[in-house]
Amino acid sequence: MDLRLLDSSGTLSRPIYSYERMDKVGKESIIVWPYKLIHNINKTNQWGETVLEYELYNIETDPGERASLLNEKPITRRALLDMLEEARRKNAPETTHPPPTTIPPDLKKRLQAIGY
């Protein structure tokens, strides 16, 4: 499958953003050909601590995503991080919070009586 979205001049017409979540682990990525930046959300390290981990690949020369270029390409990394943040803002689900619930005094007393 060719991930390039080319315009009539043969260049990438726009970045590709993706987000996926399975159980407690989430992953988002952005592709600007030939680079792909991956953000592993809520990944746990060997001590059980939650860490944010980024990976950067040239998917034209490394389609198997075996050698991260994160430290070798700081300018590309920064540009893709900025694009990822922008895509995240544009694609974030709208959240509306329900108004706070008022607990009737008699119910509040009964709940407190049983330890709530």
Protein backbone atom coordinates (compact mmCIF):
# COMPACT_ATOMS: atom_id res chain seq x y z
CA MET A 1 0.00 0.00 0.00
CA ASP A 2 1.42 3.37 -1.00
CA LEU A 3 0.95 5.86 1.85
CA ARG A 4 1.90 8.88 -0.24
CA LEU A 5 -0.89 11.36 -0.94
CA LEU A 6 0.51 13.16 -3.93
CA ASP A 7 -0.73 16.30 -5.60
CA SER A 8 -0.43 16.96 -9.35
CA SER A 9 3.19 18.07 -8.94
CA GLY A 10 4.11 14.75 -7.33
CA THR A 11 4.60 16.08 -3.80
CA LEU A 12 2.78 15.12 -0.63
CA SER A 13 -0.40 17.14 -0.51
CA ARG A 14 -0.88 16.97 3.26
CA PRO A 15 0.37 15.21 6.39
CA ILE A 16 -1.32 11.95 7.38
CA TYR A 17 -2.37 11.74 11.05
CA SER A 18 -3.51 8.58 12.81
CA TYR A 19 -4.53 7.70 16.36
CA GLU A 20 -5.26 4.31 17.83
CA ARG A 21 -5.95 3.10 21.35
CA MET A 22 -5.98 -0.45 22.69
CA ASP A 23 -6.65 -1.07 26.36
CA LYS A 24 -4.52 1.44 28.26
CA VAL A 25 -1.97 1.94 25.47
CA GLY A 26 -2.42 4.60 22.81
CA LYS A 27 -0.41 5.46 19.74
CA GLU A 28 -0.55 8.39 17.37
CA SER A 29 1.56 9.16 14.34
CA ILE A 30 2.06 11.67 11.60
CA ILE A 31 3.52 10.98 8.17
CA VAL A 32 5.09 13.63 5.97
CA TRP A 33 6.69 11.62 3.22
CA PRO A 34 9.18 10.05 3.66
CA TYR A 35 9.16 10.53 7.45
CA LYS A 36 6.87 9.04 10.09
CA LEU A 37 6.84 10.25 13.69
CA ILE A 38 5.21 7.90 16.21
CA HIS A 39 4.14 8.93 19.70
CA ASN A 40 3.58 5.96 22.01
CA ILE A 41 1.18 7.24 24.65
CA ASN A 42 1.16 5.81 28.17
CA LYS A 43 3.86 3.29 27.43
CA THR A 44 5.23 1.73 30.59
CA ASN A 45 8.95 1.29 31.17
CA GLN A 46 10.60 -1.60 33.01
CA TRP A 47 9.94 0.06 36.41
CA GLY A 48 6.22 0.41 35.79
CA GLU A 49 6.48 4.18 35.22
CA THR A 50 4.48 5.79 32.44
CA VAL A 51 6.70 7.38 29.81
CA LEU A 52 6.07 9.19 26.57
CA GLU A 53 8.17 7.72 23.81
CA TYR A 54 8.71 9.07 20.30
CA GLU A 55 10.11 7.26 17.27
CA LEU A 56 11.08 8.73 13.90
CA TYR A 57 11.52 6.68 10.74
CA ASN A 58 12.27 7.23 7.07
CA ILE A 59 9.62 4.84 5.77
CA GLU A 60 10.94 5.03 2.22
CA THR A 61 14.34 3.59 3.17
CA ASP A 62 13.19 1.76 6.33
CA PRO A 63 9.64 0.48 5.68
CA GLY A 64 9.95 -2.03 8.53
CA GLU A 65 10.56 0.83 11.00
CA ARG A 66 13.65 -0.78 12.49
CA ALA A 67 16.05 2.16 12.99
CA SER A 68 14.67 5.27 14.68
CA LEU A 69 16.21 8.53 13.46
CA LEU A 70 14.91 10.55 16.40
CA ASN A 71 18.35 11.75 17.55
CA GLU A 72 19.90 11.99 14.07
CA LYS A 73 17.21 14.30 12.60
CA PRO A 74 16.47 17.02 15.21
CA ILE A 75 15.05 19.51 12.68
CA THR A 76 12.75 16.90 11.13
CA ARG A 77 11.76 15.72 14.62
CA ARG A 78 10.83 19.27 15.72
CA ALA A 79 8.85 19.96 12.52
CA LEU A 80 6.90 16.71 12.81
CA LEU A 81 6.28 17.25 16.54
CA ASP A 82 4.77 20.65 15.71
CA MET A 83 2.61 19.09 12.98
CA LEU A 84 1.56 16.29 15.33
CA GLU A 85 0.45 18.78 17.96
CA GLU A 86 -1.51 20.74 15.36
CA ALA A 87 -3.17 17.56 14.04
CA ARG A 88 -3.99 16.52 17.61
CA ARG A 89 -5.72 19.86 18.23
CA LYS A 90 -7.68 19.64 14.99
CA ASN A 91 -8.72 16.02 15.56
CA ALA A 92 -9.39 16.06 19.30
CA PRO A 93 -12.89 14.90 20.15
CA GLU A 94 -15.11 17.59 21.51
CA THR A 95 -15.71 17.03 25.18
CA THR A 96 -18.58 18.47 27.07
CA HIS A 97 -18.79 18.02 30.77
CA PRO A 98 -22.19 17.56 32.37
CA PRO A 99 -23.15 20.13 34.96
CA PRO A 100 -22.18 19.20 38.50
CA THR A 101 -24.78 17.09 40.25
CA THR A 102 -26.35 18.46 43.38
CA ILE A 103 -26.93 15.74 45.95
CA PRO A 104 -30.08 16.22 48.01
CA PRO A 105 -29.23 16.70 51.71
CA ASP A 106 -31.08 13.54 52.83
CA LEU A 107 -29.20 11.38 50.30
CA LYS A 108 -25.90 13.00 51.29
CA LYS A 109 -26.54 12.07 54.96
CA ARG A 110 -27.37 8.47 54.05
CA LEU A 111 -24.23 8.18 51.90
CA GLN A 112 -22.04 9.64 54.64
CA ALA A 113 -23.57 7.18 57.11
CA ILE A 114 -22.28 4.27 55.04
CA GLY A 115 -18.82 5.73 54.50
CA TYR A 116 -19.09 7.78 51.31
